[in-house]
Amino acid sequence: MFRRAFKREVLSFLKGVKDLKSLYEGLRAFPPRKLVSPLIGAFCHRDERVRWLAILALGPTVARIADEDMEAARVVIRRLMWMLNEESGGMAWGAPEALAECLYHHAGLAEEYTHILVSYIRPDGNMLEYPPAQRGVAWGIGRLSAKERERLVELRAHEYLLPLLESPDHVTAGLSTWALGRLLPFPGSERLKVPLERLRADDFELFFFEGPDFRRARVSELAVEVLSGLTV
C-alpha cells in the first residue's frame, strides 16, 4: 500500500513540474533511494512530458545516491544496463536516456560508464537494433556531450552515430543529427555533409529535451543547424 501511495505521490509531483529548476528543487523532498523505482516505472507513462521528466529526475537522484554510496549508485546503473539486455525481455523504454542522465550528473559515474553508453551503437560492441533504444543512445550522447565531449570524441562516438543518419526511423536520424552537432568539431566531420543534405528534406517533427527546456524541431531544421556549423 505504501509503495503504491508513494508512486502516486511521485507521479503527481512530475505532472506538476513547470521547469527544470522546479524539478530539481522538488526532488530534494524525496529520499533518493526510494525514488528510483517509481521514476523508472514512469519511463512508460502515456504522457511524453512526464516520461521525459522521470528520466531527467533520475540523473540527480542517482548522483545524490552516489555521493553517499557509490556502489549503491552502480546498482542503479546496472539495473538500467540490464533493461537494455535482450535477456531482460523488456522494451528498454527510457533506459539509455536515463543512463546518460545519470552520467551527466556525476563525473565519477561518467568516468566509469561513458564507454558503455557508446558501446550500445557500436557494431563491434553491444549494438542495439531496436529503433527506440537507438534514439535513446543518440540523445544520451548529445546530452552528455555538454560535459564529456572530449571523452565521447576519444571514444569515437561520432563515428558510430554517423551510420544512424541513414536510419529509416526519423527520430533516430534526427537525434543522431542533433548529437553529432553537439560533438563538433571532430575528425572526419566532412562526412556529415552528404547525409545531412538528404535530411534537409525530412520534415518529421521531434519532441525532446535539449536543456534547459523541451524542444520541438523538424529533422530538416536540425540538419540545417549542423550543416551551418560545418561551414563556420
C-alpha atoms as a PDB file:
ATOM      1  CA  MET A   1       0.000   0.000   0.000  1.00  0.00           C
ATOM      2  CA  PHE A   2       2.779   2.429   0.931  1.00  0.00           C
ATOM      3  CA  ARG A   3       4.618   1.744  -2.334  1.00  0.00           C
ATOM      4  CA  ARG A   4       1.522   2.467  -4.420  1.00  0.00           C
ATOM      5  CA  ALA A   5       0.852   5.650  -2.477  1.00  0.00           C
ATOM      6  CA  PHE A   6       4.462   6.774  -2.879  1.00  0.00           C
ATOM      7  CA  LYS A   7       4.344   6.022  -6.596  1.00  0.00           C
ATOM      8  CA  ARG A   8       1.203   8.157  -6.922  1.00  0.00           C
ATOM      9  CA  GLU A   9       2.911  10.937  -4.983  1.00  0.00           C
ATOM     10  CA  VAL A  10       5.921  10.870  -7.311  1.00  0.00           C
ATOM     11  CA  LEU A  11       3.717  10.873 -10.422  1.00  0.00           C
ATOM     12  CA  SER A  12       1.685  13.749  -9.055  1.00  0.00           C
ATOM     13  CA  PHE A  13       4.894  15.666  -8.460  1.00  0.00           C
ATOM     14  CA  LEU A  14       6.158  15.022 -12.006  1.00  0.00           C
ATOM     15  CA  LYS A  15       2.855  16.121 -13.539  1.00  0.00           C
ATOM     16  CA  GLY A  16       3.042  19.401 -11.633  1.00  0.00           C
ATOM     17  CA  VAL A  17       6.622  20.282 -12.569  1.00  0.00           C
ATOM     18  CA  LYS A  18       6.815  23.541 -14.510  1.00  0.00           C
ATOM     19  CA  ASP A  19      10.504  23.663 -15.414  1.00  0.00           C
ATOM     20  CA  LEU A  20      13.879  22.095 -14.726  1.00  0.00           C
ATOM     21  CA  LYS A  21      14.521  24.300 -11.700  1.00  0.00           C
ATOM     22  CA  SER A  22      11.294  23.236 -10.006  1.00  0.00           C
ATOM     23  CA  LEU A  23      12.059  19.595 -10.835  1.00  0.00           C
ATOM     24  CA  TYR A  24      15.461  19.712  -9.149  1.00  0.00           C
ATOM     25  CA  GLU A  25      14.168  21.645  -6.161  1.00  0.00           C
ATOM     26  CA  GLY A  26      11.197  19.337  -5.668  1.00  0.00           C
ATOM     27  CA  LEU A  27      13.307  16.197  -5.795  1.00  0.00           C
ATOM     28  CA  ARG A  28      15.076  17.217  -2.602  1.00  0.00           C
ATOM     29  CA  ALA A  29      11.903  16.456  -0.650  1.00  0.00           C
ATOM     30  CA  PHE A  30      12.122  12.742  -1.522  1.00  0.00           C
ATOM     31  CA  PRO A  31      14.540  10.083  -0.179  1.00  0.00           C
ATOM     32  CA  PRO A  32      16.692   9.362  -3.259  1.00  0.00           C
ATOM     33  CA  ARG A  33      16.837   5.574  -2.937  1.00  0.00           C
ATOM     34  CA  LYS A  34      13.059   5.326  -2.703  1.00  0.00           C
ATOM     35  CA  LEU A  35      12.667   7.444  -5.824  1.00  0.00           C
ATOM     36  CA  VAL A  36      14.492   5.073  -8.174  1.00  0.00           C
ATOM     37  CA  SER A  37      11.752   2.508  -8.835  1.00  0.00           C
ATOM     38  CA  PRO A  38       8.857   4.984  -9.220  1.00  0.00           C
ATOM     39  CA  LEU A  39      10.926   7.080 -11.626  1.00  0.00           C
ATOM     40  CA  ILE A  40      11.918   4.080 -13.738  1.00  0.00           C
ATOM     41  CA  GLY A  41       8.289   2.983 -13.772  1.00  0.00           C
ATOM     42  CA  ALA A  42       7.307   6.400 -15.114  1.00  0.00           C
ATOM     43  CA  PHE A  43       9.521   5.890 -18.182  1.00  0.00           C
ATOM     44  CA  CYS A  44       6.479   4.164 -19.709  1.00  0.00           C
ATOM     45  CA  HIS A  45       3.913   6.821 -18.778  1.00  0.00           C
ATOM     46  CA  ARG A  46       1.483   7.726 -21.541  1.00  0.00           C
ATOM     47  CA  ASP A  47       2.291  11.439 -21.231  1.00  0.00           C
ATOM     48  CA  GLU A  48       5.515  12.131 -23.151  1.00  0.00           C
ATOM     49  CA  ARG A  49       6.423  15.080 -20.948  1.00  0.00           C
ATOM     50  CA  VAL A  50       6.053  13.000 -17.777  1.00  0.00           C
ATOM     51  CA  ARG A  51       8.291  10.324 -19.312  1.00  0.00           C
ATOM     52  CA  TRP A  52      10.992  12.896 -20.018  1.00  0.00           C
ATOM     53  CA  LEU A  53      10.719  14.416 -16.561  1.00  0.00           C
ATOM     54  CA  ALA A  54      11.128  10.974 -14.975  1.00  0.00           C
ATOM     55  CA  ILE A  55      14.315  10.470 -16.987  1.00  0.00           C
ATOM     56  CA  LEU A  56      15.597  13.918 -16.055  1.00  0.00           C
ATOM     57  CA  ALA A  57      14.769  13.280 -12.397  1.00  0.00           C
ATOM     58  CA  LEU A  58      16.713  10.031 -12.220  1.00  0.00           C
ATOM     59  CA  GLY A  59      20.035  11.724 -13.013  1.00  0.00           C
ATOM     60  CA  PRO A  60      20.283  13.983  -9.955  1.00  0.00           C
ATOM     61  CA  THR A  61      18.649  11.283  -7.847  1.00  0.00           C
ATOM     62  CA  VAL A  62      21.370   8.759  -8.664  1.00  0.00           C
ATOM     63  CA  ALA A  63      24.017  11.465  -8.226  1.00  0.00           C
ATOM     64  CA  ARG A  64      22.739  12.026  -4.677  1.00  0.00           C
ATOM     65  CA  ILE A  65      22.958   8.297  -4.048  1.00  0.00           C
ATOM     66  CA  ALA A  66      26.479   8.180  -5.493  1.00  0.00           C
ATOM     67  CA  ASP A  67      27.620  10.961  -3.196  1.00  0.00           C
ATOM     68  CA  GLU A  68      26.573   8.814  -0.228  1.00  0.00           C
ATOM     69  CA  ASP A  69      27.316   5.326  -1.534  1.00  0.00           C
ATOM     70  CA  MET A  70      28.966   4.829  -4.922  1.00  0.00           C
ATOM     71  CA  GLU A  71      28.228   1.118  -5.004  1.00  0.00           C
ATOM     72  CA  ALA A  72      24.516   1.733  -4.468  1.00  0.00           C
ATOM     73  CA  ALA A  73      24.588   4.089  -7.464  1.00  0.00           C
ATOM     74  CA  ARG A  74      26.346   1.419  -9.524  1.00  0.00           C
ATOM     75  CA  VAL A  75      23.497  -0.955  -8.698  1.00  0.00           C
ATOM     76  CA  VAL A  76      21.061   1.503 -10.319  1.00  0.00           C
ATOM     77  CA  ILE A  77      23.321   1.853 -13.362  1.00  0.00           C
ATOM     78  CA  ARG A  78      23.487  -1.927 -13.689  1.00  0.00           C
ATOM     79  CA  ARG A  79      19.705  -2.067 -13.452  1.00  0.00           C
ATOM     80  CA  LEU A  80      19.450   0.287 -16.428  1.00  0.00           C
ATOM     81  CA  MET A  81      22.018  -1.794 -18.298  1.00  0.00           C
ATOM     82  CA  TRP A  82      20.002  -4.933 -17.575  1.00  0.00           C
ATOM     83  CA  MET A  83      16.935  -3.244 -19.057  1.00  0.00           C
ATOM     84  CA  LEU A  84      18.955  -2.842 -22.259  1.00  0.00           C
ATOM     85  CA  ASN A  85      19.918  -6.507 -22.278  1.00  0.00           C
ATOM     86  CA  GLU A  86      17.890  -8.723 -24.614  1.00  0.00           C
ATOM     87  CA  GLU A  87      17.710 -11.336 -21.886  1.00  0.00           C
ATOM     88  CA  SER A  88      15.699  -8.944 -19.707  1.00  0.00           C
ATOM     89  CA  GLY A  89      12.733  -9.341 -22.045  1.00  0.00           C
ATOM     90  CA  GLY A  90      11.876  -5.654 -21.617  1.00  0.00           C
ATOM     91  CA  MET A  91      11.383  -2.842 -24.124  1.00  0.00           C
ATOM     92  CA  ALA A  92      14.114  -0.639 -22.597  1.00  0.00           C
ATOM     93  CA  TRP A  93      11.935   2.473 -22.786  1.00  0.00           C
ATOM     94  CA  GLY A  94      13.909   5.386 -21.387  1.00  0.00           C
ATOM     95  CA  ALA A  95      16.826   3.280 -20.160  1.00  0.00           C
ATOM     96  CA  PRO A  96      19.592   4.683 -22.409  1.00  0.00           C
ATOM     97  CA  GLU A  97      18.406   8.239 -21.841  1.00  0.00           C
ATOM     98  CA  ALA A  98      18.354   7.677 -18.082  1.00  0.00           C
ATOM     99  CA  LEU A  99      21.801   6.092 -18.144  1.00  0.00           C
ATOM    100  CA  ALA A 100      23.178   9.163 -19.904  1.00  0.00           C
ATOM    101  CA  GLU A 101      21.392  11.495 -17.499  1.00  0.00           C
ATOM    102  CA  CYS A 102      23.000   9.742 -14.538  1.00  0.00           C
ATOM    103  CA  LEU A 103      26.428  10.151 -16.137  1.00  0.00           C
ATOM    104  CA  TYR A 104      25.659  13.800 -16.891  1.00  0.00           C
ATOM    105  CA  HIS A 105      25.062  14.482 -13.215  1.00  0.00           C
ATOM    106  CA  HIS A 106      28.009  12.610 -11.716  1.00  0.00           C
ATOM    107  CA  ALA A 107      31.587  12.799 -13.003  1.00  0.00           C
ATOM    108  CA  GLY A 108      32.616   9.584 -11.254  1.00  0.00           C
ATOM    109  CA  LEU A 109      29.869   7.599 -12.949  1.00  0.00           C
ATOM    110  CA  ALA A 110      30.707   9.237 -16.283  1.00  0.00           C
ATOM    111  CA  GLU A 111      34.305   8.114 -15.952  1.00  0.00           C
ATOM    112  CA  GLU A 112      33.223   4.536 -15.339  1.00  0.00           C
ATOM    113  CA  TYR A 113      30.314   4.127 -17.728  1.00  0.00           C
ATOM    114  CA  THR A 114      30.556   6.514 -20.710  1.00  0.00           C
ATOM    115  CA  HIS A 115      32.213   3.795 -22.783  1.00  0.00           C
ATOM    116  CA  ILE A 116      29.259   1.533 -22.016  1.00  0.00           C
ATOM    117  CA  LEU A 117      26.806   4.128 -23.329  1.00  0.00           C
ATOM    118  CA  VAL A 118      28.770   4.430 -26.572  1.00  0.00           C
ATOM    119  CA  SER A 119      29.008   0.643 -26.897  1.00  0.00           C
ATOM    120  CA  TYR A 120      25.254   0.471 -27.488  1.00  0.00           C
ATOM    121  CA  ILE A 121      25.714   1.890 -31.012  1.00  0.00           C
ATOM    122  CA  ARG A 122      28.973   0.086 -31.769  1.00  0.00           C
ATOM    123  CA  PRO A 123      28.617  -2.765 -34.300  1.00  0.00           C
ATOM    124  CA  ASP A 124      31.503  -4.495 -32.510  1.00  0.00           C
ATOM    125  CA  GLY A 125      30.031  -3.731 -29.096  1.00  0.00           C
ATOM    126  CA  ASN A 126      26.571  -4.021 -27.568  1.00  0.00           C
ATOM    127  CA  MET A 127      24.758  -2.635 -30.625  1.00  0.00           C
ATOM    128  CA  LEU A 128      21.053  -2.072 -30.001  1.00  0.00           C
ATOM    129  CA  GLU A 129      18.948  -2.771 -33.087  1.00  0.00           C
ATOM    130  CA  TYR A 130      15.618  -1.544 -31.695  1.00  0.00           C
ATOM    131  CA  PRO A 131      14.984   2.000 -33.030  1.00  0.00           C
ATOM    132  CA  PRO A 132      13.574   3.467 -29.772  1.00  0.00           C
ATOM    133  CA  ALA A 133      16.705   2.259 -27.971  1.00  0.00           C
ATOM    134  CA  GLN A 134      18.930   3.774 -30.664  1.00  0.00           C
ATOM    135  CA  ARG A 135      17.047   7.054 -30.256  1.00  0.00           C
ATOM    136  CA  GLY A 136      17.818   6.992 -26.568  1.00  0.00           C
ATOM    137  CA  VAL A 137      21.527   6.379 -27.043  1.00  0.00           C
ATOM    138  CA  ALA A 138      21.772   9.151 -29.649  1.00  0.00           C
ATOM    139  CA  TRP A 139      20.006  11.599 -27.354  1.00  0.00           C
ATOM    140  CA  GLY A 140      22.133  10.440 -24.430  1.00  0.00           C
ATOM    141  CA  ILE A 141      25.371  11.109 -26.278  1.00  0.00           C
ATOM    142  CA  GLY A 142      24.140  14.549 -27.261  1.00  0.00           C
ATOM    143  CA  ARG A 143      23.103  15.345 -23.712  1.00  0.00           C
ATOM    144  CA  LEU A 144      26.326  14.045 -22.169  1.00  0.00           C
ATOM    145  CA  SER A 145      28.423  15.981 -24.692  1.00  0.00           C
ATOM    146  CA  ALA A 146      27.753  19.146 -22.696  1.00  0.00           C
ATOM    147  CA  LYS A 147      30.087  17.805 -20.007  1.00  0.00           C
ATOM    148  CA  GLU A 148      32.019  14.937 -21.597  1.00  0.00           C
ATOM    149  CA  ARG A 149      32.525  15.956 -25.238  1.00  0.00           C
ATOM    150  CA  GLU A 150      36.255  15.215 -25.298  1.00  0.00           C
ATOM    151  CA  ARG A 151      35.745  11.785 -23.747  1.00  0.00           C
ATOM    152  CA  LEU A 152      32.977  10.971 -26.244  1.00  0.00           C
ATOM    153  CA  VAL A 153      35.117  12.039 -29.207  1.00  0.00           C
ATOM    154  CA  GLU A 154      38.003  10.000 -27.831  1.00  0.00           C
ATOM    155  CA  LEU A 155      35.624   7.012 -27.713  1.00  0.00           C
ATOM    156  CA  ARG A 156      34.700   7.798 -31.344  1.00  0.00           C
ATOM    157  CA  ALA A 157      31.025   8.280 -30.574  1.00  0.00           C
ATOM    158  CA  HIS A 158      30.732  10.423 -33.717  1.00  0.00           C
ATOM    159  CA  GLU A 159      31.853   7.520 -35.904  1.00  0.00           C
ATOM    160  CA  TYR A 160      29.152   5.260 -34.505  1.00  0.00           C
ATOM    161  CA  LEU A 161      26.458   7.928 -34.776  1.00  0.00           C
ATOM    162  CA  LEU A 162      27.216   8.643 -38.432  1.00  0.00           C
ATOM    163  CA  PRO A 163      25.502   5.491 -39.828  1.00  0.00           C
ATOM    164  CA  LEU A 164      22.387   6.311 -37.808  1.00  0.00           C
ATOM    165  CA  LEU A 165      21.835   9.345 -40.031  1.00  0.00           C
ATOM    166  CA  GLU A 166      20.714   6.780 -42.628  1.00  0.00           C
ATOM    167  CA  SER A 167      18.184   5.185 -40.266  1.00  0.00           C
ATOM    168  CA  PRO A 168      14.666   4.802 -41.694  1.00  0.00           C
ATOM    169  CA  ASP A 169      13.451   5.866 -38.243  1.00  0.00           C
ATOM    170  CA  HIS A 170      13.006   9.641 -38.378  1.00  0.00           C
ATOM    171  CA  VAL A 171      13.571  10.125 -34.649  1.00  0.00           C
ATOM    172  CA  THR A 172      16.808   8.141 -34.661  1.00  0.00           C
ATOM    173  CA  ALA A 173      18.115  10.111 -37.639  1.00  0.00           C
ATOM    174  CA  GLY A 174      17.047  13.418 -36.111  1.00  0.00           C
ATOM    175  CA  LEU A 175      18.508  12.841 -32.664  1.00  0.00           C
ATOM    176  CA  SER A 176      21.718  11.490 -34.194  1.00  0.00           C
ATOM    177  CA  THR A 177      21.948  14.704 -36.210  1.00  0.00           C
ATOM    178  CA  TRP A 178      21.466  16.785 -33.070  1.00  0.00           C
ATOM    179  CA  ALA A 179      24.038  14.747 -31.124  1.00  0.00           C
ATOM    180  CA  LEU A 180      26.641  14.999 -33.879  1.00  0.00           C
ATOM    181  CA  GLY A 181      26.195  18.757 -33.937  1.00  0.00           C
ATOM    182  CA  ARG A 182      26.937  18.908 -30.236  1.00  0.00           C
ATOM    183  CA  LEU A 183      30.097  16.812 -30.685  1.00  0.00           C
ATOM    184  CA  LEU A 184      31.629  19.115 -33.286  1.00  0.00           C
ATOM    185  CA  PRO A 185      34.428  19.621 -34.042  1.00  0.00           C
ATOM    186  CA  PHE A 186      35.771  16.125 -34.591  1.00  0.00           C
ATOM    187  CA  PRO A 187      37.971  14.348 -37.159  1.00  0.00           C
ATOM    188  CA  GLY A 188      36.207  13.484 -40.408  1.00  0.00           C
ATOM    189  CA  SER A 189      33.263  15.812 -39.854  1.00  0.00           C
ATOM    190  CA  GLU A 190      33.129  16.496 -43.603  1.00  0.00           C
ATOM    191  CA  ARG A 191      31.497  13.066 -43.970  1.00  0.00           C
ATOM    192  CA  LEU A 192      28.343  14.531 -42.456  1.00  0.00           C
ATOM    193  CA  LYS A 193      27.574  16.725 -45.452  1.00  0.00           C
ATOM    194  CA  VAL A 194      26.012  14.168 -47.798  1.00  0.00           C
ATOM    195  CA  PRO A 195      23.622  12.523 -45.311  1.00  0.00           C
ATOM    196  CA  LEU A 196      22.719  15.881 -43.767  1.00  0.00           C
ATOM    197  CA  GLU A 197      21.878  17.347 -47.175  1.00  0.00           C
ATOM    198  CA  ARG A 198      19.445  14.461 -47.630  1.00  0.00           C
ATOM    199  CA  LEU A 199      17.911  15.066 -44.209  1.00  0.00           C
ATOM    200  CA  ARG A 200      17.170  18.679 -45.156  1.00  0.00           C
ATOM    201  CA  ALA A 201      14.088  17.247 -46.874  1.00  0.00           C
ATOM    202  CA  ASP A 202      12.841  15.409 -43.761  1.00  0.00           C
ATOM    203  CA  ASP A 203      10.038  17.422 -42.141  1.00  0.00           C
ATOM    204  CA  PHE A 204       9.285  14.930 -39.363  1.00  0.00           C
ATOM    205  CA  GLU A 205       8.912  16.808 -36.067  1.00  0.00           C
ATOM    206  CA  LEU A 206      10.669  15.664 -32.879  1.00  0.00           C
ATOM    207  CA  PHE A 207       9.925  16.461 -29.250  1.00  0.00           C
ATOM    208  CA  PHE A 208      12.902  16.113 -26.920  1.00  0.00           C
ATOM    209  CA  PHE A 209      14.727  17.712 -24.028  1.00  0.00           C
ATOM    210  CA  GLU A 210      17.551  19.944 -25.195  1.00  0.00           C
ATOM    211  CA  GLY A 211      18.352  21.671 -21.929  1.00  0.00           C
ATOM    212  CA  PRO A 212      17.298  23.685 -20.147  1.00  0.00           C
ATOM    213  CA  ASP A 213      13.929  23.319 -21.934  1.00  0.00           C
ATOM    214  CA  PHE A 214      11.987  20.931 -24.119  1.00  0.00           C
ATOM    215  CA  ARG A 215      12.133  21.493 -27.829  1.00  0.00           C
ATOM    216  CA  ARG A 216      10.080  20.726 -30.910  1.00  0.00           C
ATOM    217  CA  ALA A 217      12.111  20.698 -34.102  1.00  0.00           C
ATOM    218  CA  ARG A 218      11.919  19.149 -37.543  1.00  0.00           C
ATOM    219  CA  VAL A 219      14.696  16.828 -38.660  1.00  0.00           C
ATOM    220  CA  SER A 220      15.351  19.244 -41.528  1.00  0.00           C
ATOM    221  CA  GLU A 221      15.854  22.105 -39.062  1.00  0.00           C
ATOM    222  CA  LEU A 222      18.401  20.089 -37.075  1.00  0.00           C
ATOM    223  CA  ALA A 223      20.234  19.123 -40.270  1.00  0.00           C
ATOM    224  CA  VAL A 224      20.500  22.763 -41.366  1.00  0.00           C
ATOM    225  CA  GLU A 225      21.853  23.745 -37.941  1.00  0.00           C
ATOM    226  CA  VAL A 226      24.617  21.152 -38.085  1.00  0.00           C
ATOM    227  CA  LEU A 227      25.459  21.962 -41.707  1.00  0.00           C
ATOM    228  CA  SER A 228      25.885  25.613 -40.751  1.00  0.00           C
ATOM    229  CA  GLY A 229      28.275  24.506 -38.016  1.00  0.00           C
ATOM    230  CA  LEU A 230      30.365  22.643 -40.567  1.00  0.00           C
ATOM    231  CA  THR A 231      30.868  25.758 -42.665  1.00  0.00           C
ATOM    232  CA  VAL A 232      31.941  28.050 -39.817  1.00  0.00           C
END
